[in-house]
Amino acid sequence: MALKRAVRRLRRKVARQERAIRLRVEMLELLEQLEHPPLLAPLPEVPTPVTDLIVAELEAMPPPLTQEEIEEIRALPMPDPLEEIEHRLGLSTTPPSQRTSAP
């Protein structure tokens, strides 16, 4: 009986010691990670700033319409929007009028 108690006591001591060793190893690994953190990945190349892209797009745009050009456009006949929509959707079998198909 006393022998069984002694064996159980020794097994518990061994289990406690193994748990303490595991905890120490884990603590050492964590300390190692704190002392030597993983290196950050290199940052990607910085893209062109948005302002440079906007400036490039603005330079590529055509100049604004002059007052004479605006008046010319206003003088053109207004196409019939319903006729234009029906023609584009294929709902109409008749060809569009010259006013609608004109550029």
C-alpha atoms as a PDB file:
ATOM      1  CA  MET A   1       0.000   0.000   0.000  1.00  0.00           C
ATOM      2  CA  ALA A   2       2.734   2.423   0.941  1.00  0.00           C
ATOM      3  CA  LEU A   3       4.552   1.541  -2.244  1.00  0.00           C
ATOM      4  CA  LYS A   4       1.527   2.424  -4.389  1.00  0.00           C
ATOM      5  CA  ARG A   5       1.243   5.804  -2.621  1.00  0.00           C
ATOM      6  CA  ALA A   6       4.911   6.496  -3.180  1.00  0.00           C
ATOM      7  CA  VAL A   7       4.631   5.624  -6.901  1.00  0.00           C
ATOM      8  CA  ARG A   8       1.571   7.897  -7.306  1.00  0.00           C
ATOM      9  CA  ARG A   9       3.362  10.707  -5.482  1.00  0.00           C
ATOM     10  CA  LEU A  10       6.421  10.305  -7.673  1.00  0.00           C
ATOM     11  CA  ARG A  11       4.280  10.260 -10.851  1.00  0.00           C
ATOM     12  CA  ARG A  12       2.570  13.477  -9.780  1.00  0.00           C
ATOM     13  CA  LYS A  13       5.969  15.053  -9.112  1.00  0.00           C
ATOM     14  CA  VAL A  14       7.194  13.959 -12.543  1.00  0.00           C
ATOM     15  CA  ALA A  15       4.041  15.367 -14.199  1.00  0.00           C
ATOM     16  CA  ARG A  16       4.504  18.691 -12.356  1.00  0.00           C
ATOM     17  CA  GLN A  17       8.167  18.849 -13.372  1.00  0.00           C
ATOM     18  CA  GLU A  18       7.333  18.052 -17.016  1.00  0.00           C
ATOM     19  CA  ARG A  19       4.652  20.776 -17.024  1.00  0.00           C
ATOM     20  CA  ALA A  20       7.115  23.261 -15.487  1.00  0.00           C
ATOM     21  CA  ILE A  21       9.732  22.359 -18.121  1.00  0.00           C
ATOM     22  CA  ARG A  22       7.190  22.816 -20.945  1.00  0.00           C
ATOM     23  CA  LEU A  23       6.196  26.218 -19.542  1.00  0.00           C
ATOM     24  CA  ARG A  24       9.853  27.296 -19.270  1.00  0.00           C
ATOM     25  CA  VAL A  25      10.521  26.222 -22.851  1.00  0.00           C
ATOM     26  CA  GLU A  26       7.462  28.128 -24.040  1.00  0.00           C
ATOM     27  CA  MET A  27       8.540  31.200 -22.053  1.00  0.00           C
ATOM     28  CA  LEU A  28      12.035  31.033 -23.566  1.00  0.00           C
ATOM     29  CA  GLU A  29      10.558  30.797 -27.077  1.00  0.00           C
ATOM     30  CA  LEU A  30       8.387  33.845 -26.416  1.00  0.00           C
ATOM     31  CA  LEU A  31      11.352  35.802 -25.041  1.00  0.00           C
ATOM     32  CA  GLU A  32      13.366  34.849 -28.127  1.00  0.00           C
ATOM     33  CA  GLN A  33      10.566  36.154 -30.345  1.00  0.00           C
ATOM     34  CA  LEU A  34      10.503  39.427 -28.385  1.00  0.00           C
ATOM     35  CA  GLU A  35      14.269  39.866 -28.690  1.00  0.00           C
ATOM     36  CA  HIS A  36      14.343  38.994 -32.398  1.00  0.00           C
ATOM     37  CA  PRO A  37      11.008  39.910 -33.979  1.00  0.00           C
ATOM     38  CA  PRO A  38      10.411  38.716 -37.530  1.00  0.00           C
ATOM     39  CA  LEU A  39      11.628  41.180 -40.122  1.00  0.00           C
ATOM     40  CA  LEU A  40       8.972  43.145 -41.903  1.00  0.00           C
ATOM     41  CA  ALA A  41       8.528  42.439 -45.582  1.00  0.00           C
ATOM     42  CA  PRO A  42       9.972  45.189 -47.778  1.00  0.00           C
ATOM     43  CA  LEU A  43       7.439  47.822 -48.692  1.00  0.00           C
ATOM     44  CA  PRO A  44       6.184  47.715 -52.268  1.00  0.00           C
ATOM     45  CA  GLU A  45       7.278  50.394 -54.658  1.00  0.00           C
ATOM     46  CA  VAL A  46       5.406  53.622 -54.018  1.00  0.00           C
ATOM     47  CA  PRO A  47       2.921  54.195 -56.851  1.00  0.00           C
ATOM     48  CA  THR A  48       2.705  57.451 -58.741  1.00  0.00           C
ATOM     49  CA  PRO A  49       0.821  60.004 -56.656  1.00  0.00           C
ATOM     50  CA  VAL A  50      -2.797  60.508 -57.629  1.00  0.00           C
ATOM     51  CA  THR A  51      -2.226  64.202 -58.235  1.00  0.00           C
ATOM     52  CA  ASP A  52       0.291  63.394 -60.989  1.00  0.00           C
ATOM     53  CA  LEU A  53      -2.255  61.100 -62.652  1.00  0.00           C
ATOM     54  CA  ILE A  54      -4.957  63.759 -62.470  1.00  0.00           C
ATOM     55  CA  VAL A  55      -2.656  66.371 -63.979  1.00  0.00           C
ATOM     56  CA  ALA A  56      -1.748  63.991 -66.817  1.00  0.00           C
ATOM     57  CA  GLU A  57      -5.437  63.304 -67.531  1.00  0.00           C
ATOM     58  CA  LEU A  58      -6.276  67.002 -67.489  1.00  0.00           C
ATOM     59  CA  GLU A  59      -3.483  67.732 -69.966  1.00  0.00           C
ATOM     60  CA  ALA A  60      -4.815  65.025 -72.299  1.00  0.00           C
ATOM     61  CA  MET A  61      -8.362  66.451 -72.306  1.00  0.00           C
ATOM     62  CA  PRO A  62      -9.469  68.615 -75.210  1.00  0.00           C
ATOM     63  CA  PRO A  63      -9.936  72.322 -74.532  1.00  0.00           C
ATOM     64  CA  PRO A  64     -13.402  73.478 -73.441  1.00  0.00           C
ATOM     65  CA  LEU A  65     -15.941  74.469 -76.076  1.00  0.00           C
ATOM     66  CA  THR A  66     -15.994  78.080 -77.154  1.00  0.00           C
ATOM     67  CA  GLN A  67     -19.175  80.121 -77.005  1.00  0.00           C
ATOM     68  CA  GLU A  68     -19.567  79.851 -80.805  1.00  0.00           C
ATOM     69  CA  GLU A  69     -19.315  76.039 -80.682  1.00  0.00           C
ATOM     70  CA  ILE A  70     -21.912  75.913 -77.926  1.00  0.00           C
ATOM     71  CA  GLU A  71     -24.286  78.037 -80.005  1.00  0.00           C
ATOM     72  CA  GLU A  72     -23.768  75.747 -83.041  1.00  0.00           C
ATOM     73  CA  ILE A  73     -24.713  72.705 -80.985  1.00  0.00           C
ATOM     74  CA  ARG A  74     -27.796  74.441 -79.601  1.00  0.00           C
ATOM     75  CA  ALA A  75     -28.880  75.353 -83.149  1.00  0.00           C
ATOM     76  CA  LEU A  76     -28.933  71.682 -84.224  1.00  0.00           C
ATOM     77  CA  PRO A  77     -32.369  70.001 -84.163  1.00  0.00           C
ATOM     78  CA  MET A  78     -33.073  67.999 -81.028  1.00  0.00           C
ATOM     79  CA  PRO A  79     -33.423  64.247 -81.746  1.00  0.00           C
ATOM     80  CA  ASP A  80     -36.526  62.473 -80.499  1.00  0.00           C
ATOM     81  CA  PRO A  81     -35.334  60.580 -77.405  1.00  0.00           C
ATOM     82  CA  LEU A  82     -38.065  57.904 -77.558  1.00  0.00           C
ATOM     83  CA  GLU A  83     -37.347  57.166 -81.214  1.00  0.00           C
ATOM     84  CA  GLU A  84     -33.627  56.941 -80.413  1.00  0.00           C
ATOM     85  CA  ILE A  85     -34.225  54.537 -77.515  1.00  0.00           C
ATOM     86  CA  GLU A  86     -36.601  52.322 -79.524  1.00  0.00           C
ATOM     87  CA  HIS A  87     -34.126  52.126 -82.386  1.00  0.00           C
ATOM     88  CA  ARG A  88     -31.182  51.234 -80.110  1.00  0.00           C
ATOM     89  CA  LEU A  89     -33.202  48.575 -78.301  1.00  0.00           C
ATOM     90  CA  GLY A  90     -34.456  47.117 -81.564  1.00  0.00           C
ATOM     91  CA  LEU A  91     -38.091  47.763 -80.707  1.00  0.00           C
ATOM     92  CA  SER A  92     -38.710  49.825 -83.810  1.00  0.00           C
ATOM     93  CA  THR A  93     -38.799  48.330 -87.316  1.00  0.00           C
ATOM     94  CA  THR A  94     -38.665  51.685 -89.030  1.00  0.00           C
ATOM     95  CA  PRO A  95     -35.286  53.311 -89.587  1.00  0.00           C
ATOM     96  CA  PRO A  96     -34.553  56.287 -87.377  1.00  0.00           C
ATOM     97  CA  SER A  97     -35.227  59.743 -88.744  1.00  0.00           C
ATOM     98  CA  GLN A  98     -32.346  61.842 -89.992  1.00  0.00           C
ATOM     99  CA  ARG A  99     -32.561  63.951 -86.873  1.00  0.00           C
ATOM    100  CA  THR A 100     -32.031  60.893 -84.640  1.00  0.00           C
ATOM    101  CA  SER A 101     -29.286  59.221 -86.635  1.00  0.00           C
ATOM    102  CA  ALA A 102     -27.357  62.444 -87.235  1.00  0.00           C
ATOM    103  CA  PRO A 103     -24.170  62.649 -85.149  1.00  0.00           C
END
